[in-house]
Amino acid sequence: MACFIIGAGSFYGLPVPVRDTDTVIAADGGWRVCRELSLTPSLLVADFDSLDTVPEFDHILRLPVEKDNTDMIRAVKEGFARGETEFHLLGGMGGRRTDHTLANMQTLAYIARHGGRGWLYGSGERFTAICDGGEIMLPAKKSGILSVFCLGADAEGVTIEGAQYPLADAALTADFPLGVSNHFTGKAVRVAVRRGCLLIGICDKE
């Protein structure tokens, strides 16, 4: 099972098909995308700053406009409450709101720290995060860009294996982009971190 959360940002298509066993949550303006895709979400989470009207729908979690949680991260919390651990965040990048893109990248760290795996999708690119002893194996690709960033406090014990530029027990900091623009070389790539959190970006184009 997986949880698809569709937000109000730029939508670049479904990365994988939505199965009957998957959960779909619309985050505010993501409701319109669900309608266009003929998807009926399990829940609409919204403060309705991206929708002109409140739709006639039985499963709405209405949020106050003034709040600490973004619509997206509250939708993630609802997904965790339903037992989900795999999250696909769509409509969470692009558009006019770079601040929301950054907030959704932070949301990936929230997912990782709570034992889940999250993916945030853009145009020909996707991001995920690993934290505190986490690791990820990325399938072999003949080409493409791999970037690894420190997300928060200094990341220690960073390992990258199988990419053009490997790292072993290295440190990454938030003020120097050492991990940007690595390359896939046809091998599977392993990324791991002993302490701290990493944001991992994969771009299909060189």
N, C-alpha and C. Protein backbone atom coordinates (compact mmCIF):
# COMPACT_ATOMS: atom_id res chain seq x y z
N MET A 1 0.84 -1.19 0.00
CA MET A 1 0.00 0.00 0.00
C MET A 1 0.87 1.24 0.00
N ALA A 2 0.36 2.31 -0.54
CA ALA A 2 1.07 3.58 -0.56
C ALA A 2 0.04 4.70 -0.37
N CYS A 3 0.54 5.84 0.05
CA CYS A 3 -0.30 7.01 0.26
C CYS A 3 0.10 8.10 -0.73
N PHE A 4 -0.81 8.46 -1.61
CA PHE A 4 -0.59 9.53 -2.57
C PHE A 4 -1.22 10.81 -2.03
N ILE A 5 -0.41 11.83 -1.86
CA ILE A 5 -0.91 13.12 -1.39
C ILE A 5 -0.73 14.12 -2.52
N ILE A 6 -1.81 14.72 -2.94
CA ILE A 6 -1.79 15.61 -4.10
C ILE A 6 -2.05 17.03 -3.64
N GLY A 7 -1.06 17.90 -3.85
CA GLY A 7 -1.16 19.27 -3.41
C GLY A 7 -1.53 20.22 -4.52
N ALA A 8 -1.42 21.52 -4.22
CA ALA A 8 -1.89 22.55 -5.13
C ALA A 8 -0.80 23.09 -6.05
N GLY A 9 0.42 22.56 -5.97
CA GLY A 9 1.51 23.02 -6.82
C GLY A 9 1.42 22.43 -8.22
N SER A 10 2.50 22.57 -8.95
CA SER A 10 2.52 22.06 -10.33
C SER A 10 2.44 20.54 -10.33
N PHE A 11 1.57 20.00 -11.17
CA PHE A 11 1.37 18.56 -11.26
C PHE A 11 1.98 18.05 -12.54
N TYR A 12 2.86 17.04 -12.42
CA TYR A 12 3.61 16.54 -13.57
C TYR A 12 3.22 15.12 -13.94
N GLY A 13 2.08 14.66 -13.47
CA GLY A 13 1.63 13.31 -13.79
C GLY A 13 1.88 12.35 -12.65
N LEU A 14 1.23 11.21 -12.74
CA LEU A 14 1.40 10.16 -11.73
C LEU A 14 2.68 9.39 -12.01
N PRO A 15 3.59 9.27 -11.04
CA PRO A 15 4.83 8.53 -11.26
C PRO A 15 4.61 7.03 -11.37
N VAL A 16 3.62 6.53 -10.66
CA VAL A 16 3.24 5.11 -10.70
C VAL A 16 1.72 5.06 -10.61
N PRO A 17 1.11 3.98 -11.10
CA PRO A 17 -0.35 3.89 -11.04
C PRO A 17 -0.86 3.84 -9.59
N VAL A 18 -2.03 4.40 -9.38
CA VAL A 18 -2.70 4.31 -8.08
C VAL A 18 -3.52 3.03 -8.06
N ARG A 19 -3.24 2.19 -7.07
CA ARG A 19 -3.96 0.92 -6.95
C ARG A 19 -5.17 1.07 -6.03
N ASP A 20 -6.06 0.09 -6.10
CA ASP A 20 -7.26 0.12 -5.27
C ASP A 20 -6.92 0.10 -3.78
N THR A 21 -5.79 -0.48 -3.43
CA THR A 21 -5.41 -0.59 -2.03
C THR A 21 -4.67 0.66 -1.51
N ASP A 22 -4.37 1.59 -2.40
CA ASP A 22 -3.65 2.80 -2.01
C ASP A 22 -4.60 3.84 -1.42
N THR A 23 -4.03 4.73 -0.63
CA THR A 23 -4.77 5.85 -0.06
C THR A 23 -4.45 7.11 -0.84
N VAL A 24 -5.46 7.88 -1.19
CA VAL A 24 -5.27 9.17 -1.86
C VAL A 24 -5.83 10.26 -0.96
N ILE A 25 -4.99 11.26 -0.67
CA ILE A 25 -5.41 12.40 0.13
C ILE A 25 -5.18 13.66 -0.69
N ALA A 26 -6.20 14.47 -0.83
CA ALA A 26 -6.07 15.76 -1.52
C ALA A 26 -5.73 16.82 -0.49
N ALA A 27 -4.70 17.60 -0.79
CA ALA A 27 -4.31 18.71 0.06
C ALA A 27 -4.75 20.00 -0.61
N ASP A 28 -5.85 20.54 -0.14
CA ASP A 28 -6.43 21.79 -0.64
C ASP A 28 -6.61 21.76 -2.16
N GLY A 29 -5.87 22.60 -2.91
CA GLY A 29 -6.07 22.69 -4.36
C GLY A 29 -5.78 21.42 -5.12
N GLY A 30 -5.15 20.44 -4.47
CA GLY A 30 -4.97 19.14 -5.09
C GLY A 30 -6.28 18.44 -5.39
N TRP A 31 -7.36 18.94 -4.77
CA TRP A 31 -8.70 18.40 -5.06
C TRP A 31 -9.01 18.50 -6.55
N ARG A 32 -8.63 19.62 -7.18
CA ARG A 32 -8.92 19.80 -8.60
C ARG A 32 -8.19 18.77 -9.45
N VAL A 33 -6.95 18.46 -9.09
CA VAL A 33 -6.19 17.44 -9.82
C VAL A 33 -6.86 16.08 -9.68
N CYS A 34 -7.31 15.76 -8.47
CA CYS A 34 -8.03 14.49 -8.27
C CYS A 34 -9.25 14.41 -9.17
N ARG A 35 -9.98 15.51 -9.29
CA ARG A 35 -11.16 15.53 -10.16
C ARG A 35 -10.76 15.29 -11.61
N GLU A 36 -9.67 15.92 -12.03
CA GLU A 36 -9.21 15.76 -13.42
C GLU A 36 -8.76 14.33 -13.70
N LEU A 37 -8.23 13.66 -12.69
CA LEU A 37 -7.75 12.28 -12.84
C LEU A 37 -8.84 11.26 -12.55
N SER A 38 -10.03 11.73 -12.22
CA SER A 38 -11.15 10.84 -11.84
C SER A 38 -10.79 9.99 -10.63
N LEU A 39 -10.03 10.60 -9.71
CA LEU A 39 -9.68 9.94 -8.46
C LEU A 39 -10.56 10.50 -7.34
N THR A 40 -11.13 9.62 -6.55
CA THR A 40 -11.88 10.05 -5.38
C THR A 40 -10.99 9.89 -4.16
N PRO A 41 -10.54 10.97 -3.56
CA PRO A 41 -9.64 10.83 -2.42
C PRO A 41 -10.35 10.27 -1.20
N SER A 42 -9.58 9.66 -0.34
CA SER A 42 -10.13 9.19 0.93
C SER A 42 -10.43 10.35 1.85
N LEU A 43 -9.67 11.46 1.64
CA LEU A 43 -9.79 12.61 2.54
C LEU A 43 -9.35 13.86 1.80
N LEU A 44 -10.01 14.97 2.09
CA LEU A 44 -9.58 16.29 1.64
C LEU A 44 -9.15 17.07 2.86
N VAL A 45 -7.87 17.44 2.90
CA VAL A 45 -7.31 18.23 3.99
C VAL A 45 -7.08 19.64 3.46
N ALA A 46 -7.68 20.65 4.08
CA ALA A 46 -7.60 21.97 3.47
C ALA A 46 -7.96 23.08 4.44
N ASP A 47 -7.29 24.22 4.25
CA ASP A 47 -7.77 25.47 4.86
C ASP A 47 -8.50 26.31 3.83
N PHE A 48 -8.57 25.81 2.60
CA PHE A 48 -9.32 26.39 1.49
C PHE A 48 -8.80 27.77 1.09
N ASP A 49 -7.48 27.90 1.11
CA ASP A 49 -6.89 29.10 0.52
C ASP A 49 -6.55 28.88 -0.95
N SER A 50 -6.61 27.62 -1.41
CA SER A 50 -6.34 27.32 -2.82
C SER A 50 -7.59 26.91 -3.58
N LEU A 51 -8.68 26.71 -2.88
CA LEU A 51 -9.96 26.37 -3.51
C LEU A 51 -10.94 27.52 -3.27
N ASP A 52 -11.68 27.86 -4.31
CA ASP A 52 -12.63 28.97 -4.20
C ASP A 52 -13.83 28.61 -3.33
N THR A 53 -14.25 27.36 -3.40
CA THR A 53 -15.42 26.92 -2.65
C THR A 53 -15.13 25.60 -1.98
N VAL A 54 -15.91 25.30 -0.97
CA VAL A 54 -15.80 24.01 -0.28
C VAL A 54 -16.64 23.00 -1.06
N PRO A 55 -16.02 21.95 -1.57
CA PRO A 55 -16.80 20.99 -2.38
C PRO A 55 -17.78 20.19 -1.53
N GLU A 56 -18.77 19.67 -2.17
CA GLU A 56 -19.71 18.77 -1.49
C GLU A 56 -19.05 17.40 -1.42
N PHE A 57 -18.47 17.12 -0.27
CA PHE A 57 -17.70 15.88 -0.09
C PHE A 57 -17.79 15.51 1.39
N ASP A 58 -17.95 14.23 1.65
CA ASP A 58 -18.22 13.77 3.02
C ASP A 58 -16.98 13.67 3.90
N HIS A 59 -15.79 13.66 3.28
CA HIS A 59 -14.58 13.39 4.08
C HIS A 59 -13.63 14.58 3.98
N ILE A 60 -13.94 15.63 4.72
CA ILE A 60 -13.14 16.85 4.72
C ILE A 60 -12.59 17.10 6.12
N LEU A 61 -11.29 17.32 6.19
CA LEU A 61 -10.66 17.79 7.42
C LEU A 61 -10.33 19.26 7.20
N ARG A 62 -11.17 20.13 7.76
CA ARG A 62 -11.00 21.57 7.52
C ARG A 62 -10.02 22.14 8.55
N LEU A 63 -9.00 22.82 8.05
CA LEU A 63 -7.95 23.38 8.89
C LEU A 63 -8.11 24.89 8.98
N PRO A 64 -7.68 25.48 10.09
CA PRO A 64 -7.68 26.94 10.17
C PRO A 64 -6.60 27.52 9.26
N VAL A 65 -6.81 28.72 8.77
CA VAL A 65 -5.81 29.36 7.93
C VAL A 65 -4.54 29.64 8.72
N GLU A 66 -4.68 30.10 9.95
CA GLU A 66 -3.53 30.36 10.81
C GLU A 66 -3.21 29.09 11.60
N LYS A 67 -2.11 28.43 11.22
CA LYS A 67 -1.78 27.14 11.81
C LYS A 67 -0.29 26.88 11.65
N ASP A 68 0.23 25.91 12.39
CA ASP A 68 1.64 25.52 12.27
C ASP A 68 1.86 24.52 11.14
N ASN A 69 0.92 23.61 10.94
CA ASN A 69 1.05 22.58 9.91
C ASN A 69 0.65 23.12 8.54
N THR A 70 1.48 22.85 7.52
CA THR A 70 0.99 23.07 6.16
C THR A 70 -0.06 22.01 5.84
N ASP A 71 -0.84 22.26 4.80
CA ASP A 71 -1.82 21.25 4.39
C ASP A 71 -1.14 19.93 4.05
N MET A 72 0.05 20.02 3.43
CA MET A 72 0.74 18.81 3.01
C MET A 72 1.21 17.98 4.21
N ILE A 73 1.85 18.62 5.18
CA ILE A 73 2.37 17.83 6.30
C ILE A 73 1.22 17.31 7.17
N ARG A 74 0.12 18.05 7.24
CA ARG A 74 -1.03 17.52 7.98
C ARG A 74 -1.61 16.31 7.26
N ALA A 75 -1.60 16.35 5.93
CA ALA A 75 -2.04 15.18 5.17
C ALA A 75 -1.12 13.99 5.43
N VAL A 76 0.19 14.24 5.53
CA VAL A 76 1.13 13.17 5.86
C VAL A 76 0.81 12.58 7.23
N LYS A 77 0.53 13.42 8.20
CA LYS A 77 0.18 12.93 9.53
C LYS A 77 -1.08 12.07 9.50
N GLU A 78 -2.04 12.49 8.67
CA GLU A 78 -3.25 11.68 8.53
C GLU A 78 -2.93 10.33 7.89
N GLY A 79 -1.99 10.34 6.93
CA GLY A 79 -1.57 9.08 6.33
C GLY A 79 -0.93 8.14 7.34
N PHE A 80 -0.03 8.68 8.17
CA PHE A 80 0.58 7.86 9.22
C PHE A 80 -0.49 7.31 10.16
N ALA A 81 -1.48 8.13 10.50
CA ALA A 81 -2.54 7.69 11.40
C ALA A 81 -3.33 6.53 10.81
N ARG A 82 -3.33 6.42 9.47
CA ARG A 82 -4.02 5.32 8.80
C ARG A 82 -3.11 4.12 8.56
N GLY A 83 -1.89 4.18 9.10
CA GLY A 83 -0.97 3.05 8.99
C GLY A 83 -0.09 3.08 7.76
N GLU A 84 -0.09 4.18 7.03
CA GLU A 84 0.74 4.27 5.83
C GLU A 84 2.20 4.59 6.19
N THR A 85 3.13 4.05 5.40
CA THR A 85 4.56 4.34 5.59
C THR A 85 5.25 4.74 4.29
N GLU A 86 4.60 4.56 3.15
CA GLU A 86 5.15 4.94 1.86
C GLU A 86 4.33 6.09 1.30
N PHE A 87 4.99 7.23 1.07
CA PHE A 87 4.27 8.43 0.66
C PHE A 87 4.79 8.96 -0.67
N HIS A 88 3.86 9.32 -1.56
CA HIS A 88 4.19 9.97 -2.82
C HIS A 88 3.55 11.35 -2.80
N LEU A 89 4.39 12.39 -2.74
CA LEU A 89 3.90 13.76 -2.65
C LEU A 89 3.90 14.38 -4.04
N LEU A 90 2.73 14.69 -4.54
CA LEU A 90 2.55 15.24 -5.88
C LEU A 90 1.98 16.65 -5.76
N GLY A 91 2.26 17.48 -6.77
CA GLY A 91 1.79 18.85 -6.68
C GLY A 91 2.42 19.58 -5.52
N GLY A 92 3.67 19.22 -5.22
CA GLY A 92 4.36 19.82 -4.09
C GLY A 92 5.58 20.63 -4.48
N MET A 93 5.78 20.81 -5.79
CA MET A 93 6.91 21.59 -6.29
C MET A 93 6.42 22.50 -7.42
N GLY A 94 7.27 23.45 -7.80
CA GLY A 94 6.94 24.31 -8.93
C GLY A 94 5.94 25.38 -8.55
N GLY A 95 5.38 26.01 -9.56
CA GLY A 95 4.44 27.09 -9.32
C GLY A 95 5.14 28.34 -8.81
N ARG A 96 4.40 29.17 -8.13
CA ARG A 96 4.93 30.45 -7.66
C ARG A 96 5.46 30.40 -6.24
N ARG A 97 5.36 29.26 -5.56
CA ARG A 97 5.65 29.21 -4.14
C ARG A 97 6.86 28.32 -3.85
N THR A 98 8.05 28.90 -4.00
CA THR A 98 9.27 28.17 -3.65
C THR A 98 9.30 27.83 -2.18
N ASP A 99 8.67 28.66 -1.35
CA ASP A 99 8.65 28.38 0.09
C ASP A 99 7.93 27.05 0.37
N HIS A 100 6.87 26.76 -0.41
CA HIS A 100 6.17 25.50 -0.20
C HIS A 100 7.01 24.32 -0.71
N THR A 101 7.78 24.53 -1.77
CA THR A 101 8.68 23.47 -2.21
C THR A 101 9.67 23.12 -1.10
N LEU A 102 10.25 24.14 -0.48
CA LEU A 102 11.19 23.89 0.61
C LEU A 102 10.49 23.24 1.80
N ALA A 103 9.28 23.68 2.10
CA ALA A 103 8.53 23.08 3.19
C ALA A 103 8.26 21.60 2.91
N ASN A 104 7.99 21.26 1.67
CA ASN A 104 7.72 19.86 1.33
C ASN A 104 8.99 19.02 1.37
N MET A 105 10.14 19.63 1.09
CA MET A 105 11.41 18.92 1.26
C MET A 105 11.65 18.65 2.75
N GLN A 106 11.32 19.60 3.60
CA GLN A 106 11.40 19.35 5.04
C GLN A 106 10.43 18.25 5.46
N THR A 107 9.28 18.20 4.79
CA THR A 107 8.30 17.16 5.10
C THR A 107 8.87 15.77 4.83
N LEU A 108 9.74 15.66 3.82
CA LEU A 108 10.40 14.37 3.57
C LEU A 108 11.23 13.94 4.78
N ALA A 109 11.88 14.91 5.43
CA ALA A 109 12.65 14.59 6.63
C ALA A 109 11.72 14.14 7.76
N TYR A 110 10.57 14.80 7.88
CA TYR A 110 9.59 14.38 8.88
C TYR A 110 9.17 12.94 8.65
N ILE A 111 8.90 12.60 7.41
CA ILE A 111 8.50 11.22 7.08
C ILE A 111 9.60 10.24 7.45
N ALA A 112 10.85 10.57 7.08
CA ALA A 112 11.97 9.67 7.36
C ALA A 112 12.16 9.48 8.86
N ARG A 113 12.08 10.56 9.62
CA ARG A 113 12.28 10.47 11.07
C ARG A 113 11.16 9.71 11.76
N HIS A 114 10.05 9.53 11.10
CA HIS A 114 8.93 8.78 11.68
C HIS A 114 8.80 7.39 11.07
N GLY A 115 9.87 6.92 10.44
CA GLY A 115 9.92 5.54 9.99
C GLY A 115 9.31 5.28 8.62
N GLY A 116 9.03 6.33 7.86
CA GLY A 116 8.46 6.14 6.53
C GLY A 116 9.43 6.48 5.42
N ARG A 117 9.00 6.31 4.20
CA ARG A 117 9.76 6.71 3.02
C ARG A 117 8.86 7.62 2.19
N GLY A 118 9.36 8.81 1.93
CA GLY A 118 8.59 9.77 1.14
C GLY A 118 9.31 10.14 -0.13
N TRP A 119 8.54 10.41 -1.18
CA TRP A 119 9.07 10.88 -2.45
C TRP A 119 8.30 12.12 -2.86
N LEU A 120 9.04 13.15 -3.25
CA LEU A 120 8.48 14.41 -3.72
C LEU A 120 8.85 14.55 -5.18
N TYR A 121 7.85 14.79 -6.04
CA TYR A 121 8.06 14.72 -7.49
C TYR A 121 7.97 16.09 -8.14
N GLY A 122 8.96 16.38 -9.01
CA GLY A 122 8.93 17.56 -9.85
C GLY A 122 8.89 17.15 -11.31
N SER A 123 9.40 18.00 -12.17
CA SER A 123 9.44 17.71 -13.60
C SER A 123 10.74 16.99 -13.94
N GLY A 124 10.67 15.67 -14.12
CA GLY A 124 11.85 14.87 -14.42
C GLY A 124 12.80 14.74 -13.26
N GLU A 125 12.33 15.01 -12.05
CA GLU A 125 13.17 14.88 -10.87
C GLU A 125 12.32 14.45 -9.68
N ARG A 126 12.97 13.87 -8.70
CA ARG A 126 12.28 13.43 -7.50
C ARG A 126 13.25 13.48 -6.33
N PHE A 127 12.71 13.65 -5.15
CA PHE A 127 13.51 13.80 -3.94
C PHE A 127 13.00 12.86 -2.86
N THR A 128 13.93 12.43 -2.01
CA THR A 128 13.57 11.68 -0.82
C THR A 128 14.54 12.07 0.28
N ALA A 129 14.37 11.53 1.47
CA ALA A 129 15.25 11.86 2.59
C ALA A 129 15.52 10.61 3.41
N ILE A 130 16.71 10.57 4.00
CA ILE A 130 17.07 9.54 4.96
C ILE A 130 17.66 10.22 6.18
N CYS A 131 17.47 9.63 7.35
CA CYS A 131 17.92 10.26 8.60
C CYS A 131 18.45 9.21 9.57
N ASP A 132 19.49 9.60 10.34
CA ASP A 132 19.93 8.90 11.55
C ASP A 132 20.04 7.38 11.39
N GLY A 133 21.05 6.96 10.64
CA GLY A 133 21.26 5.54 10.42
C GLY A 133 20.51 4.98 9.23
N GLY A 134 19.82 5.82 8.52
CA GLY A 134 19.06 5.36 7.36
C GLY A 134 19.94 5.18 6.13
N GLU A 135 19.46 4.39 5.20
CA GLU A 135 20.14 4.21 3.92
C GLU A 135 19.11 3.91 2.85
N ILE A 136 19.52 4.08 1.60
CA ILE A 136 18.65 3.80 0.48
C ILE A 136 19.49 3.23 -0.65
N MET A 137 18.93 2.22 -1.34
CA MET A 137 19.54 1.67 -2.54
C MET A 137 18.75 2.17 -3.74
N LEU A 138 19.44 2.85 -4.63
CA LEU A 138 18.82 3.40 -5.82
C LEU A 138 19.14 2.51 -7.01
N PRO A 139 18.16 2.13 -7.80
CA PRO A 139 18.40 1.23 -8.94
C PRO A 139 19.42 1.80 -9.92
N ALA A 140 20.10 0.91 -10.60
CA ALA A 140 21.11 1.31 -11.58
C ALA A 140 20.48 2.12 -12.70
N LYS A 141 21.18 3.18 -13.10
CA LYS A 141 20.77 4.01 -14.23
C LYS A 141 22.01 4.30 -15.06
N LYS A 142 21.84 4.26 -16.38
CA LYS A 142 22.98 4.54 -17.25
C LYS A 142 23.37 6.01 -17.24
N SER A 143 22.41 6.87 -16.91
CA SER A 143 22.69 8.30 -16.85
C SER A 143 21.75 8.95 -15.85
N GLY A 144 22.01 10.20 -15.57
CA GLY A 144 21.19 10.92 -14.60
C GLY A 144 22.04 11.54 -13.52
N ILE A 145 21.47 12.52 -12.84
CA ILE A 145 22.17 13.25 -11.80
C ILE A 145 21.67 12.82 -10.43
N LEU A 146 22.60 12.63 -9.52
CA LEU A 146 22.31 12.34 -8.13
C LEU A 146 22.89 13.46 -7.28
N SER A 147 22.07 14.10 -6.48
CA SER A 147 22.55 15.14 -5.58
C SER A 147 22.16 14.79 -4.15
N VAL A 148 23.07 15.02 -3.22
CA VAL A 148 22.86 14.70 -1.81
C VAL A 148 23.18 15.95 -0.99
N PHE A 149 22.19 16.41 -0.22
CA PHE A 149 22.35 17.63 0.56
C PHE A 149 22.13 17.34 2.04
N CYS A 150 22.84 18.08 2.86
CA CYS A 150 22.57 18.05 4.30
C CYS A 150 21.29 18.83 4.56
N LEU A 151 20.39 18.23 5.30
CA LEU A 151 19.10 18.84 5.59
C LEU A 151 19.01 19.04 7.11
N GLY A 152 19.46 20.22 7.56
CA GLY A 152 19.46 20.48 9.00
C GLY A 152 20.87 20.55 9.54
N ALA A 153 21.05 20.01 10.75
CA ALA A 153 22.37 20.00 11.38
C ALA A 153 23.34 19.14 10.58
N ASP A 154 24.66 19.32 10.84
CA ASP A 154 25.67 18.59 10.09
C ASP A 154 25.36 17.10 10.03
N ALA A 155 25.51 16.53 8.85
CA ALA A 155 25.29 15.10 8.65
C ALA A 155 26.65 14.39 8.72
N GLU A 156 26.74 13.36 9.54
CA GLU A 156 27.99 12.64 9.77
C GLU A 156 27.89 11.21 9.26
N GLY A 157 29.05 10.66 8.87
CA GLY A 157 29.07 9.28 8.40
C GLY A 157 28.32 9.09 7.10
N VAL A 158 28.50 10.03 6.18
CA VAL A 158 27.79 9.95 4.90
C VAL A 158 28.57 9.05 3.94
N THR A 159 27.89 8.10 3.36
CA THR A 159 28.49 7.16 2.42
C THR A 159 27.70 7.18 1.11
N ILE A 160 28.43 7.29 0.01
CA ILE A 160 27.83 7.16 -1.33
C ILE A 160 28.65 6.13 -2.09
N GLU A 161 28.01 5.05 -2.51
CA GLU A 161 28.69 3.98 -3.23
C GLU A 161 27.99 3.75 -4.57
N GLY A 162 28.77 3.54 -5.61
CA GLY A 162 28.22 3.21 -6.92
C GLY A 162 28.05 4.39 -7.84
N ALA A 163 28.21 5.61 -7.34
CA ALA A 163 28.11 6.81 -8.17
C ALA A 163 29.49 7.21 -8.68
N GLN A 164 29.53 8.18 -9.57
CA GLN A 164 30.81 8.62 -10.13
C GLN A 164 31.75 9.16 -9.06
N TYR A 165 31.20 9.86 -8.08
CA TYR A 165 32.01 10.44 -7.01
C TYR A 165 31.58 9.82 -5.69
N PRO A 166 32.32 8.83 -5.21
CA PRO A 166 31.94 8.16 -3.97
C PRO A 166 32.35 8.99 -2.74
N LEU A 167 31.71 8.68 -1.64
CA LEU A 167 32.08 9.24 -0.34
C LEU A 167 32.10 8.09 0.66
N ALA A 168 32.98 8.20 1.65
CA ALA A 168 33.05 7.18 2.70
C ALA A 168 33.21 7.87 4.04
N ASP A 169 32.24 7.69 4.91
CA ASP A 169 32.27 8.23 6.27
C ASP A 169 32.59 9.73 6.26
N ALA A 170 31.93 10.45 5.38
CA ALA A 170 32.19 11.88 5.20
C ALA A 170 31.18 12.70 6.00
N ALA A 171 31.46 14.00 6.08
CA ALA A 171 30.54 14.93 6.71
C ALA A 171 30.01 15.90 5.65
N LEU A 172 28.70 16.15 5.67
CA LEU A 172 28.09 17.16 4.83
C LEU A 172 27.47 18.23 5.73
N THR A 173 27.60 19.47 5.32
CA THR A 173 27.05 20.58 6.09
C THR A 173 26.03 21.34 5.25
N ALA A 174 25.20 22.11 5.93
CA ALA A 174 24.15 22.84 5.24
C ALA A 174 24.65 24.09 4.54
N ASP A 175 25.93 24.46 4.76
CA ASP A 175 26.43 25.71 4.16
C ASP A 175 27.43 25.48 3.03
N PHE A 176 27.56 24.21 2.57
CA PHE A 176 28.46 23.94 1.43
C PHE A 176 27.91 22.75 0.65
N PRO A 177 27.56 22.94 -0.64
CA PRO A 177 26.88 21.89 -1.41
C PRO A 177 27.83 20.87 -2.02
N LEU A 178 28.59 20.18 -1.19
CA LEU A 178 29.56 19.20 -1.67
C LEU A 178 28.91 18.08 -2.48
N GLY A 179 27.68 17.72 -2.12
CA GLY A 179 27.06 16.55 -2.74
C GLY A 179 26.26 16.82 -3.99
N VAL A 180 26.35 18.04 -4.55
CA VAL A 180 25.53 18.35 -5.71
C VAL A 180 26.13 17.77 -6.99
N SER A 181 25.28 17.37 -7.91
CA SER A 181 25.66 16.98 -9.28
C SER A 181 26.63 15.81 -9.35
N ASN A 182 26.32 14.75 -8.61
CA ASN A 182 27.00 13.47 -8.81
C ASN A 182 26.32 12.79 -10.01
N HIS A 183 26.85 11.65 -10.43
CA HIS A 183 26.32 11.02 -11.64
C HIS A 183 26.12 9.52 -11.44
N PHE A 184 25.02 9.03 -12.00
CA PHE A 184 24.83 7.58 -12.11
C PHE A 184 25.76 7.06 -13.22
N THR A 185 26.24 5.83 -13.05
CA THR A 185 27.19 5.27 -14.02
C THR A 185 26.79 3.87 -14.48
N GLY A 186 25.53 3.51 -14.31
CA GLY A 186 25.09 2.17 -14.70
C GLY A 186 25.11 1.18 -13.56
N LYS A 187 25.47 1.63 -12.37
CA LYS A 187 25.48 0.76 -11.19
C LYS A 187 24.40 1.22 -10.21
N ALA A 188 23.96 0.29 -9.38
CA ALA A 188 23.09 0.67 -8.27
C ALA A 188 23.88 1.57 -7.32
N VAL A 189 23.20 2.51 -6.71
CA VAL A 189 23.85 3.47 -5.83
C VAL A 189 23.29 3.32 -4.41
N ARG A 190 24.20 3.26 -3.46
CA ARG A 190 23.82 3.21 -2.05
C ARG A 190 24.20 4.53 -1.39
N VAL A 191 23.24 5.11 -0.68
CA VAL A 191 23.49 6.32 0.10
C VAL A 191 23.09 6.03 1.55
N ALA A 192 23.96 6.39 2.49
CA ALA A 192 23.69 6.12 3.90
C ALA A 192 24.20 7.29 4.73
N VAL A 193 23.63 7.44 5.92
CA VAL A 193 24.06 8.48 6.85
C VAL A 193 24.00 7.92 8.27
N ARG A 194 25.06 8.17 9.04
CA ARG A 194 25.10 7.67 10.42
C ARG A 194 24.31 8.59 11.36
N ARG A 195 24.49 9.90 11.20
CA ARG A 195 23.80 10.85 12.06
C ARG A 195 23.43 12.08 11.24
N GLY A 196 22.23 12.57 11.47
CA GLY A 196 21.76 13.71 10.69
C GLY A 196 20.79 13.27 9.61
N CYS A 197 20.48 14.21 8.74
CA CYS A 197 19.47 13.95 7.71
C CYS A 197 19.97 14.41 6.35
N LEU A 198 19.70 13.61 5.33
CA LEU A 198 20.11 13.91 3.97
C LEU A 198 18.89 14.04 3.07
N LEU A 199 18.92 15.04 2.21
CA LEU A 199 17.96 15.19 1.14
C LEU A 199 18.63 14.66 -0.13
N ILE A 200 17.97 13.72 -0.79
CA ILE A 200 18.55 13.06 -1.97
C ILE A 200 17.69 13.40 -3.18
N GLY A 201 18.33 13.98 -4.19
CA GLY A 201 17.63 14.35 -5.40
C GLY A 201 18.12 13.54 -6.59
N ILE A 202 17.18 13.10 -7.42
CA ILE A 202 17.50 12.33 -8.61
C ILE A 202 16.89 13.07 -9.82
N CYS A 203 17.73 13.41 -10.76
CA CYS A 203 17.28 14.07 -11.98
C CYS A 203 17.55 13.16 -13.15
N ASP A 204 16.54 12.90 -13.97
CA ASP A 204 16.71 11.97 -15.08
C ASP A 204 17.54 12.54 -16.21
N LYS A 205 17.63 13.86 -16.30
CA LYS A 205 18.38 14.49 -17.37
C LYS A 205 19.77 14.89 -16.88
N GLU A 206 20.76 14.73 -17.76
CA GLU A 206 22.12 15.17 -17.44
C GLU A 206 22.20 16.69 -17.55
